[in-house]
Amino acid sequence: MSNEPNCLKCRHFYVTWDPAAPRGCRGYGFKTKQVPSIVVRGSSGHPCYKFSAKAGEKK
């Protein structure tokens, strides 16, 4: 996971109210139980291209 962007520092990441899928990505429009960047890598084989650091954050 060292090569993956840190979703907690991404402006697209959010916490959901859904216990079955507590993490979400507004950039790709999905909710998941896993870290979204891992789901993107597993689904597409590519790193997350929609990572955008929150104001004051670095990748």
Protein backbone atom coordinates (compact mmCIF):
# COMPACT_ATOMS: atom_id res chain seq x y z
CA MET A 1 0.00 0.00 0.00
CA SER A 2 3.03 2.30 0.11
CA ASN A 3 2.53 3.24 -3.58
CA GLU A 4 -1.18 3.93 -3.14
CA PRO A 5 -2.42 7.45 -2.39
CA ASN A 6 -3.59 7.99 1.18
CA CYS A 7 -7.36 8.23 0.87
CA LEU A 8 -7.62 9.95 4.25
CA LYS A 9 -5.77 12.90 2.71
CA CYS A 10 -7.92 13.03 -0.43
CA ARG A 11 -10.74 15.55 -0.87
CA HIS A 12 -12.92 12.84 -2.48
CA PHE A 13 -12.81 10.50 0.55
CA TYR A 14 -15.72 10.45 2.99
CA VAL A 15 -17.07 8.37 5.85
CA THR A 16 -20.53 6.90 5.28
CA TRP A 17 -23.30 5.94 7.68
CA ASP A 18 -23.50 2.49 6.12
CA PRO A 19 -21.92 -0.12 8.46
CA ALA A 20 -21.49 -2.53 5.51
CA ALA A 21 -19.55 0.09 3.51
CA PRO A 22 -18.11 2.73 5.87
CA ARG A 23 -15.72 4.38 3.38
CA GLY A 24 -16.61 6.23 0.22
CA CYS A 25 -15.05 7.94 -2.78
CA ARG A 26 -16.91 10.86 -4.34
CA GLY A 27 -14.43 10.94 -7.23
CA TYR A 28 -15.42 7.48 -8.45
CA GLY A 29 -18.85 7.43 -6.82
CA PHE A 30 -18.75 4.29 -4.69
CA LYS A 31 -18.82 3.08 -1.08
CA THR A 32 -16.74 0.18 0.23
CA LYS A 33 -15.54 -1.64 3.30
CA GLN A 34 -11.93 -1.39 2.13
CA VAL A 35 -9.73 1.63 1.49
CA PRO A 36 -11.01 3.07 -1.82
CA SER A 37 -7.58 3.31 -3.47
CA ILE A 38 -7.11 -0.45 -2.94
CA VAL A 39 -10.50 -1.14 -4.56
CA VAL A 40 -9.57 1.04 -7.55
CA ARG A 41 -6.23 -0.77 -7.96
CA GLY A 42 -7.88 -4.17 -7.68
CA SER A 43 -10.66 -3.33 -10.13
CA SER A 44 -8.69 -1.51 -12.80
CA GLY A 45 -5.10 -2.57 -12.25
CA HIS A 46 -4.15 1.13 -12.18
CA PRO A 47 -3.49 3.51 -9.30
CA CYS A 48 -6.15 6.01 -8.31
CA TYR A 49 -6.05 8.80 -10.91
CA LYS A 50 -8.61 10.96 -9.10
CA PHE A 51 -6.54 11.59 -5.96
CA SER A 52 -6.64 15.26 -5.06
CA ALA A 53 -5.01 16.36 -1.80
CA LYS A 54 -7.09 18.29 0.69
CA ALA A 55 -6.03 21.87 1.27
CA GLY A 56 -2.83 21.83 3.31
CA GLU A 57 -2.16 18.12 2.69
CA LYS A 58 0.50 16.38 0.63
CA LYS A 59 0.30 13.01 -1.10
